[in-house]
């Protein structure tokens, strides 16, 4: 008889099983992380960026070096907006004795990867030309900087 009572007590203390879905709330009302949704959103954003970057034909963007022999010494500002991308560049180009003596990047809107293109300015000054190779991995920003320098010197 004692065994039966203990069995009944154990049965009474257990919660009843239901087919109702459990709420997605955890302690203090915080939602559980949803890794599948997060993964989907990351993949979607990266795919969109890839499509945007592939839509621009960077090879078609060529900067030509203006003749500096007819340019007075001074500082000239140039801007370039790489259409189809979020890349925008503003530069100040310093000239003296028909040579580029300095390039200052005033504004460069781009991705973190595009920031490494800013070292192309040293190549331009060293070569005294806009016919320099783009920075690998930052082709769009490199081309935008070259075109902004061209715009400043025209």
N, C-alpha and C. Protein backbone atom coordinates (compact mmCIF):
# COMPACT_ATOMS: atom_id res chain seq x y z
N UNK A 1 0.81 -1.19 0.00
CA UNK A 1 0.00 0.00 0.00
C UNK A 1 0.86 1.26 0.00
N UNK A 2 1.94 1.23 0.71
CA UNK A 2 2.82 2.39 0.78
C UNK A 2 3.42 2.66 -0.60
N UNK A 3 3.78 1.62 -1.28
CA UNK A 3 4.35 1.78 -2.61
C UNK A 3 3.37 2.45 -3.55
N UNK A 4 2.12 2.16 -3.46
CA UNK A 4 1.11 2.77 -4.32
C UNK A 4 0.97 4.25 -4.06
N UNK A 5 1.04 4.67 -2.81
CA UNK A 5 0.92 6.08 -2.46
C UNK A 5 2.09 6.87 -3.03
N UNK A 6 3.30 6.34 -2.89
CA UNK A 6 4.48 7.01 -3.43
C UNK A 6 4.39 7.14 -4.95
N UNK A 7 3.91 6.12 -5.59
CA UNK A 7 3.73 6.15 -7.03
C UNK A 7 2.75 7.25 -7.44
N UNK A 8 1.67 7.37 -6.70
CA UNK A 8 0.66 8.38 -6.99
C UNK A 8 1.20 9.79 -6.73
N UNK A 9 1.98 9.97 -5.69
CA UNK A 9 2.56 11.29 -5.38
C UNK A 9 3.50 11.72 -6.51
N UNK A 10 4.33 10.81 -6.98
CA UNK A 10 5.26 11.13 -8.07
C UNK A 10 4.50 11.52 -9.34
N UNK A 11 3.42 10.83 -9.58
CA UNK A 11 2.61 11.13 -10.75
C UNK A 11 1.95 12.50 -10.64
N UNK A 12 1.55 12.88 -9.44
CA UNK A 12 0.88 14.15 -9.22
C UNK A 12 1.85 15.33 -9.31
N UNK A 13 3.11 15.15 -8.97
CA UNK A 13 4.09 16.24 -8.97
C UNK A 13 4.64 16.55 -10.36
N UNK A 14 4.50 15.62 -11.29
CA UNK A 14 5.03 15.83 -12.63
C UNK A 14 4.08 16.71 -13.44
N UNK A 15 4.61 17.66 -14.23
CA UNK A 15 3.74 18.47 -15.07
C UNK A 15 3.17 17.64 -16.21
N UNK A 16 2.02 18.01 -16.63
CA UNK A 16 1.35 17.31 -17.71
C UNK A 16 2.01 17.64 -19.05
N UNK A 17 2.20 16.66 -19.90
CA UNK A 17 2.78 16.89 -21.22
C UNK A 17 1.70 17.39 -22.15
N UNK A 18 2.06 18.40 -22.94
CA UNK A 18 1.11 18.93 -23.91
C UNK A 18 1.77 19.00 -25.27
N UNK A 19 0.98 19.15 -26.29
CA UNK A 19 1.51 19.29 -27.64
C UNK A 19 1.67 20.74 -28.04
N UNK A 20 1.48 21.64 -27.09
CA UNK A 20 1.62 23.06 -27.40
C UNK A 20 3.09 23.40 -27.64
N UNK A 21 3.39 24.26 -28.63
CA UNK A 21 4.78 24.65 -28.84
C UNK A 21 5.27 25.50 -27.67
N UNK A 22 6.51 25.29 -27.31
CA UNK A 22 7.11 26.05 -26.22
C UNK A 22 7.44 27.46 -26.70
N UNK A 23 7.29 28.46 -25.84
CA UNK A 23 7.64 29.83 -26.25
C UNK A 23 9.14 29.95 -26.49
N UNK A 24 9.53 30.90 -27.36
CA UNK A 24 10.94 31.11 -27.70
C UNK A 24 11.63 32.04 -26.72
N UNK A 25 11.01 32.31 -25.62
CA UNK A 25 11.59 33.21 -24.65
C UNK A 25 12.44 32.43 -23.67
N UNK A 26 13.54 33.05 -23.28
CA UNK A 26 14.42 32.48 -22.30
C UNK A 26 14.38 33.35 -21.07
N UNK A 27 15.35 33.26 -20.25
CA UNK A 27 15.42 34.03 -19.00
C UNK A 27 15.16 35.50 -19.24
N UNK A 28 14.34 36.08 -18.39
CA UNK A 28 14.03 37.52 -18.38
C UNK A 28 13.52 38.02 -19.72
N UNK A 29 12.89 37.18 -20.51
CA UNK A 29 12.27 37.65 -21.74
C UNK A 29 13.23 37.87 -22.90
N UNK A 30 14.44 37.35 -22.84
CA UNK A 30 15.41 37.52 -23.92
C UNK A 30 15.18 36.42 -24.95
N UNK A 31 15.18 36.78 -26.21
CA UNK A 31 14.97 35.80 -27.29
C UNK A 31 16.20 34.94 -27.47
N UNK A 32 15.97 33.70 -27.84
CA UNK A 32 17.08 32.81 -28.16
C UNK A 32 17.73 33.28 -29.46
N UNK A 33 19.05 33.13 -29.58
CA UNK A 33 19.68 33.46 -30.86
C UNK A 33 19.16 32.54 -31.95
N UNK A 34 19.05 33.09 -33.15
CA UNK A 34 18.53 32.31 -34.27
C UNK A 34 19.63 32.21 -35.32
N UNK A 35 20.51 31.23 -35.17
CA UNK A 35 21.68 31.13 -36.05
C UNK A 35 21.32 30.94 -37.52
N UNK A 36 20.23 30.28 -37.82
CA UNK A 36 19.86 30.07 -39.23
C UNK A 36 19.49 31.39 -39.89
N UNK A 37 18.74 32.23 -39.17
CA UNK A 37 18.36 33.53 -39.71
C UNK A 37 19.58 34.43 -39.86
N UNK A 38 20.43 34.42 -38.86
CA UNK A 38 21.65 35.24 -38.91
C UNK A 38 22.52 34.82 -40.09
N UNK A 39 22.70 33.52 -40.26
CA UNK A 39 23.51 33.00 -41.36
C UNK A 39 22.91 33.41 -42.70
N UNK A 40 21.59 33.31 -42.82
CA UNK A 40 20.92 33.70 -44.06
C UNK A 40 21.15 35.18 -44.36
N UNK A 41 21.00 36.04 -43.36
CA UNK A 41 21.18 37.48 -43.57
C UNK A 41 22.61 37.81 -43.97
N UNK A 42 23.58 37.18 -43.35
CA UNK A 42 24.99 37.42 -43.70
C UNK A 42 25.25 37.01 -45.14
N UNK A 43 24.76 35.85 -45.53
CA UNK A 43 24.96 35.37 -46.90
C UNK A 43 24.26 36.29 -47.90
N UNK A 44 23.07 36.77 -47.55
CA UNK A 44 22.33 37.66 -48.45
C UNK A 44 23.08 38.98 -48.65
N UNK A 45 23.60 39.55 -47.59
CA UNK A 45 24.33 40.83 -47.69
C UNK A 45 25.61 40.64 -48.50
N UNK A 46 26.36 39.58 -48.23
CA UNK A 46 27.59 39.33 -48.98
C UNK A 46 27.30 39.09 -50.46
N UNK A 47 26.23 38.39 -50.76
CA UNK A 47 25.85 38.15 -52.16
C UNK A 47 25.51 39.46 -52.86
N UNK A 48 24.78 40.32 -52.16
CA UNK A 48 24.43 41.62 -52.74
C UNK A 48 25.67 42.45 -53.03
N UNK A 49 26.62 42.46 -52.09
CA UNK A 49 27.87 43.21 -52.32
C UNK A 49 28.64 42.64 -53.50
N UNK A 50 28.65 41.33 -53.63
CA UNK A 50 29.34 40.70 -54.75
C UNK A 50 28.71 41.09 -56.08
N UNK A 51 27.39 41.09 -56.14
CA UNK A 51 26.68 41.46 -57.37
C UNK A 51 26.97 42.92 -57.72
N UNK A 52 26.95 43.79 -56.72
CA UNK A 52 27.22 45.22 -56.98
C UNK A 52 28.64 45.41 -57.50
N UNK A 53 29.62 44.74 -56.88
CA UNK A 53 31.00 44.94 -57.31
C UNK A 53 31.25 44.35 -58.69
N UNK A 54 30.54 43.28 -59.04
CA UNK A 54 30.71 42.68 -60.37
C UNK A 54 30.00 43.47 -61.45
N UNK A 55 29.05 44.30 -61.07
CA UNK A 55 28.29 45.06 -62.06
C UNK A 55 29.10 46.20 -62.66
N UNK A 56 30.17 46.61 -62.00
CA UNK A 56 30.99 47.71 -62.48
C UNK A 56 32.20 47.15 -63.23
N UNK A 57 32.42 47.63 -64.44
CA UNK A 57 33.56 47.20 -65.23
C UNK A 57 34.73 48.12 -64.93
N UNK A 58 35.56 47.73 -63.96
CA UNK A 58 36.67 48.58 -63.52
C UNK A 58 37.72 48.77 -64.61
N UNK A 59 37.86 47.79 -65.49
CA UNK A 59 38.86 47.89 -66.56
C UNK A 59 38.55 49.05 -67.50
N UNK A 60 37.27 49.40 -67.62
CA UNK A 60 36.87 50.49 -68.51
C UNK A 60 37.18 51.87 -67.92
N UNK A 61 37.46 51.92 -66.64
CA UNK A 61 37.74 53.21 -65.99
C UNK A 61 39.23 53.48 -66.08
N UNK A 62 39.58 54.45 -66.91
CA UNK A 62 40.99 54.80 -67.13
C UNK A 62 41.19 56.28 -66.83
N UNK A 63 42.22 56.58 -66.06
CA UNK A 63 42.55 57.97 -65.77
C UNK A 63 43.71 58.40 -66.66
N UNK A 64 43.61 59.60 -67.21
CA UNK A 64 44.67 60.13 -68.06
C UNK A 64 45.37 61.28 -67.34
N UNK A 65 46.67 61.31 -67.44
CA UNK A 65 47.47 62.34 -66.78
C UNK A 65 47.45 63.62 -67.62
N UNK A 66 46.90 64.71 -67.05
CA UNK A 66 46.92 65.98 -67.77
C UNK A 66 48.36 66.52 -67.84
N UNK A 67 48.61 67.41 -68.78
CA UNK A 67 49.93 68.03 -68.93
C UNK A 67 50.09 69.09 -67.84
N UNK A 68 51.04 68.87 -66.95
CA UNK A 68 51.25 69.79 -65.83
C UNK A 68 52.12 70.98 -66.20
N UNK A 69 52.67 71.00 -67.40
CA UNK A 69 53.51 72.12 -67.82
C UNK A 69 52.71 73.42 -67.90
N UNK A 70 51.41 73.32 -68.08
CA UNK A 70 50.57 74.51 -68.18
C UNK A 70 49.75 74.75 -66.91
N UNK A 71 50.08 74.02 -65.87
CA UNK A 71 49.35 74.14 -64.60
C UNK A 71 50.19 74.97 -63.63
N UNK A 72 49.58 75.99 -63.05
CA UNK A 72 50.29 76.82 -62.08
C UNK A 72 50.50 76.02 -60.79
N UNK A 73 51.57 76.36 -60.07
CA UNK A 73 51.81 75.72 -58.79
C UNK A 73 50.64 76.00 -57.86
N UNK A 74 50.29 75.02 -57.04
CA UNK A 74 49.18 75.23 -56.11
C UNK A 74 48.54 73.92 -55.68
N UNK A 75 47.38 74.07 -55.07
CA UNK A 75 46.61 72.92 -54.59
C UNK A 75 45.28 72.90 -55.33
N UNK A 76 44.95 71.73 -55.85
CA UNK A 76 43.73 71.57 -56.63
C UNK A 76 42.89 70.44 -56.05
N UNK A 77 41.60 70.66 -56.00
CA UNK A 77 40.68 69.67 -55.44
C UNK A 77 39.96 68.93 -56.56
N UNK A 78 39.85 67.62 -56.40
CA UNK A 78 39.13 66.79 -57.35
C UNK A 78 38.23 65.79 -56.63
N UNK A 79 37.13 65.45 -57.27
CA UNK A 79 36.18 64.50 -56.70
C UNK A 79 35.82 63.45 -57.75
N UNK A 80 35.48 62.28 -57.26
CA UNK A 80 34.99 61.23 -58.17
C UNK A 80 34.03 60.33 -57.41
N UNK A 81 32.91 60.05 -58.05
CA UNK A 81 31.87 59.18 -57.50
C UNK A 81 31.80 57.96 -58.41
N UNK A 82 32.20 56.81 -57.91
CA UNK A 82 32.20 55.58 -58.70
C UNK A 82 30.78 55.06 -58.79
N UNK A 83 30.08 55.44 -59.86
CA UNK A 83 28.66 55.11 -60.00
C UNK A 83 28.44 53.59 -59.93
N UNK A 84 27.34 53.23 -59.30
CA UNK A 84 27.02 51.82 -59.13
C UNK A 84 27.63 51.22 -57.88
N UNK A 85 28.40 52.01 -57.15
CA UNK A 85 29.02 51.55 -55.91
C UNK A 85 28.89 52.66 -54.86
N UNK A 86 29.17 52.34 -53.61
CA UNK A 86 29.13 53.38 -52.58
C UNK A 86 30.43 54.18 -52.48
N UNK A 87 31.36 53.99 -53.40
CA UNK A 87 32.68 54.63 -53.32
C UNK A 87 32.63 56.06 -53.84
N UNK A 88 33.08 57.00 -52.97
CA UNK A 88 33.20 58.42 -53.32
C UNK A 88 34.52 58.92 -52.76
N UNK A 89 35.24 59.70 -53.58
CA UNK A 89 36.56 60.18 -53.17
C UNK A 89 36.69 61.67 -53.45
N UNK A 90 37.30 62.39 -52.50
CA UNK A 90 37.69 63.79 -52.69
C UNK A 90 39.16 63.89 -52.32
N UNK A 91 39.96 64.50 -53.21
CA UNK A 91 41.40 64.65 -52.95
C UNK A 91 41.84 66.09 -53.17
N UNK A 92 42.91 66.46 -52.50
CA UNK A 92 43.63 67.71 -52.77
C UNK A 92 44.99 67.30 -53.33
N UNK A 93 45.32 67.84 -54.52
CA UNK A 93 46.58 67.52 -55.17
C UNK A 93 47.45 68.77 -55.16
N UNK A 94 48.67 68.62 -54.65
CA UNK A 94 49.62 69.73 -54.57
C UNK A 94 50.63 69.59 -55.71
N UNK A 95 50.80 70.70 -56.46
CA UNK A 95 51.76 70.69 -57.57
C UNK A 95 52.78 71.80 -57.40
N UNK A 96 53.98 71.54 -57.91
CA UNK A 96 55.05 72.54 -57.91
C UNK A 96 56.02 72.19 -59.03
N UNK A 97 56.37 73.17 -59.83
CA UNK A 97 57.30 72.99 -60.95
C UNK A 97 56.87 71.85 -61.88
N UNK A 98 55.59 71.83 -62.22
CA UNK A 98 55.00 70.85 -63.13
C UNK A 98 55.14 69.42 -62.62
N UNK A 99 55.16 69.24 -61.30
CA UNK A 99 55.23 67.92 -60.68
C UNK A 99 54.19 67.81 -59.57
N UNK A 100 53.70 66.61 -59.37
CA UNK A 100 52.81 66.36 -58.22
C UNK A 100 53.70 66.18 -57.01
N UNK A 101 53.50 67.03 -56.00
CA UNK A 101 54.34 66.96 -54.79
C UNK A 101 53.60 66.33 -53.61
N UNK A 102 52.30 66.24 -53.70
CA UNK A 102 51.55 65.62 -52.61
C UNK A 102 50.11 65.40 -52.99
N UNK A 103 49.51 64.38 -52.39
CA UNK A 103 48.09 64.09 -52.59
C UNK A 103 47.50 63.81 -51.21
N UNK A 104 46.50 64.58 -50.89
CA UNK A 104 45.82 64.41 -49.60
C UNK A 104 44.41 63.91 -49.87
N UNK A 105 44.04 62.82 -49.23
CA UNK A 105 42.68 62.30 -49.37
C UNK A 105 41.82 63.01 -48.33
N UNK A 106 40.93 63.86 -48.84
CA UNK A 106 40.06 64.66 -47.97
C UNK A 106 38.89 63.80 -47.46
N UNK A 107 38.32 63.02 -48.37
CA UNK A 107 37.18 62.16 -48.03
C UNK A 107 37.23 60.91 -48.89
N UNK A 108 36.98 59.76 -48.26
CA UNK A 108 36.97 58.49 -48.99
C UNK A 108 35.90 57.60 -48.37
N UNK A 109 34.75 57.56 -49.02
CA UNK A 109 33.66 56.70 -48.56
C UNK A 109 33.80 55.35 -49.26
N UNK A 110 34.02 54.31 -48.47
CA UNK A 110 34.21 52.98 -49.03
C UNK A 110 34.09 51.94 -47.94
N UNK A 111 34.30 50.69 -48.33
CA UNK A 111 34.32 49.60 -47.35
C UNK A 111 35.68 49.61 -46.65
N UNK A 112 35.83 48.88 -45.55
CA UNK A 112 37.13 48.82 -44.89
C UNK A 112 38.24 48.30 -45.81
N UNK A 113 37.91 47.41 -46.70
CA UNK A 113 38.91 46.89 -47.65
C UNK A 113 39.38 47.98 -48.59
N UNK A 114 38.45 48.86 -48.99
CA UNK A 114 38.80 49.95 -49.92
C UNK A 114 39.78 50.95 -49.35
N UNK A 115 39.88 51.03 -48.02
CA UNK A 115 40.80 51.99 -47.39
C UNK A 115 42.25 51.70 -47.78
N UNK A 116 42.57 50.44 -48.05
CA UNK A 116 43.97 50.13 -48.39
C UNK A 116 44.36 50.71 -49.75
N UNK A 117 43.39 51.14 -50.55
CA UNK A 117 43.69 51.75 -51.85
C UNK A 117 44.34 53.12 -51.69
N UNK A 118 44.24 53.71 -50.51
CA UNK A 118 44.79 55.05 -50.30
C UNK A 118 46.30 55.11 -50.48
N UNK A 119 46.97 53.97 -50.38
CA UNK A 119 48.43 53.99 -50.59
C UNK A 119 48.80 54.13 -52.07
N UNK A 120 47.81 54.15 -52.95
CA UNK A 120 48.10 54.37 -54.37
C UNK A 120 48.64 55.79 -54.60
N UNK A 121 48.34 56.70 -53.67
CA UNK A 121 48.82 58.08 -53.83
C UNK A 121 50.34 58.14 -53.85
N UNK A 122 50.99 57.29 -53.06
CA UNK A 122 52.47 57.25 -53.07
C UNK A 122 52.99 56.80 -54.43
N UNK A 123 52.31 55.85 -55.05
CA UNK A 123 52.71 55.37 -56.38
C UNK A 123 52.56 56.48 -57.42
N UNK A 124 51.46 57.24 -57.32
CA UNK A 124 51.22 58.33 -58.28
C UNK A 124 52.35 59.36 -58.18
N UNK A 125 52.69 59.73 -56.96
CA UNK A 125 53.74 60.74 -56.76
C UNK A 125 55.09 60.20 -57.24
N UNK A 126 55.39 58.96 -56.91
CA UNK A 126 56.67 58.36 -57.31
C UNK A 126 56.80 58.26 -58.83
N UNK A 127 55.74 57.81 -59.49
CA UNK A 127 55.76 57.62 -60.94
C UNK A 127 55.45 58.90 -61.71
N UNK A 128 54.86 59.90 -61.02
CA UNK A 128 54.40 61.12 -61.68
C UNK A 128 53.49 60.77 -62.86
N UNK A 129 52.61 59.81 -62.56
CA UNK A 129 51.71 59.31 -63.60
C UNK A 129 50.45 58.73 -62.94
N UNK A 130 49.38 58.70 -63.72
CA UNK A 130 48.15 58.03 -63.28
C UNK A 130 48.06 56.63 -63.86
N UNK A 131 49.07 56.24 -64.62
CA UNK A 131 49.13 54.90 -65.21
C UNK A 131 49.86 53.97 -64.24
N UNK A 132 49.28 53.78 -63.07
CA UNK A 132 49.85 52.89 -62.06
C UNK A 132 48.86 51.76 -61.80
N UNK A 133 49.37 50.65 -61.30
CA UNK A 133 48.52 49.50 -61.01
C UNK A 133 47.62 49.79 -59.81
N UNK A 134 46.40 49.27 -59.89
CA UNK A 134 45.46 49.40 -58.77
C UNK A 134 45.94 48.52 -57.61
N UNK A 135 45.52 48.89 -56.43
CA UNK A 135 45.85 48.10 -55.24
C UNK A 135 44.98 46.84 -55.26
N UNK A 136 45.61 45.70 -55.15
CA UNK A 136 44.90 44.42 -55.20
C UNK A 136 43.85 44.33 -54.10
N UNK A 137 42.63 43.94 -54.48
CA UNK A 137 41.54 43.81 -53.53
C UNK A 137 40.77 45.10 -53.32
N UNK A 138 41.30 46.21 -53.82
CA UNK A 138 40.64 47.51 -53.66
C UNK A 138 40.64 48.24 -55.00
N UNK A 139 40.31 47.52 -56.05
CA UNK A 139 40.35 48.07 -57.40
C UNK A 139 39.40 49.25 -57.57
N UNK A 140 38.19 49.13 -57.06
CA UNK A 140 37.21 50.21 -57.20
C UNK A 140 37.68 51.50 -56.55
N UNK A 141 38.15 51.41 -55.33
CA UNK A 141 38.65 52.61 -54.64
C UNK A 141 39.91 53.14 -55.31
N UNK A 142 40.77 52.26 -55.80
CA UNK A 142 41.98 52.70 -56.51
C UNK A 142 41.62 53.51 -57.74
N UNK A 143 40.69 53.00 -58.53
CA UNK A 143 40.25 53.71 -59.74
C UNK A 143 39.60 55.04 -59.40
N UNK A 144 38.81 55.06 -58.32
CA UNK A 144 38.15 56.31 -57.90
C UNK A 144 39.18 57.35 -57.49
N UNK A 145 40.22 56.94 -56.79
CA UNK A 145 41.28 57.88 -56.38
C UNK A 145 42.01 58.41 -57.61
N UNK A 146 42.33 57.53 -58.55
CA UNK A 146 42.99 57.97 -59.78
C UNK A 146 42.15 58.99 -60.54
N UNK A 147 40.85 58.71 -60.65
CA UNK A 147 39.96 59.63 -61.36
C UNK A 147 39.79 60.95 -60.61
N UNK A 148 39.81 60.92 -59.30
CA UNK A 148 39.72 62.15 -58.52
C UNK A 148 40.97 63.00 -58.71
N UNK A 149 42.14 62.37 -58.78
CA UNK A 149 43.39 63.10 -59.05
C UNK A 149 43.33 63.70 -60.45
N UNK A 150 42.86 62.92 -61.41
CA UNK A 150 42.70 63.44 -62.78
C UNK A 150 41.79 64.66 -62.79
N UNK A 151 40.66 64.57 -62.10
CA UNK A 151 39.71 65.68 -62.06
C UNK A 151 40.34 66.92 -61.43
N UNK A 152 41.17 66.73 -60.44
CA UNK A 152 41.82 67.87 -59.78
C UNK A 152 42.81 68.56 -60.71
N UNK A 153 43.49 67.80 -61.55
CA UNK A 153 44.52 68.38 -62.40
C UNK A 153 44.02 68.88 -63.75
N UNK A 154 42.78 68.61 -64.10
CA UNK A 154 42.25 69.09 -65.39
C UNK A 154 41.90 70.55 -65.32
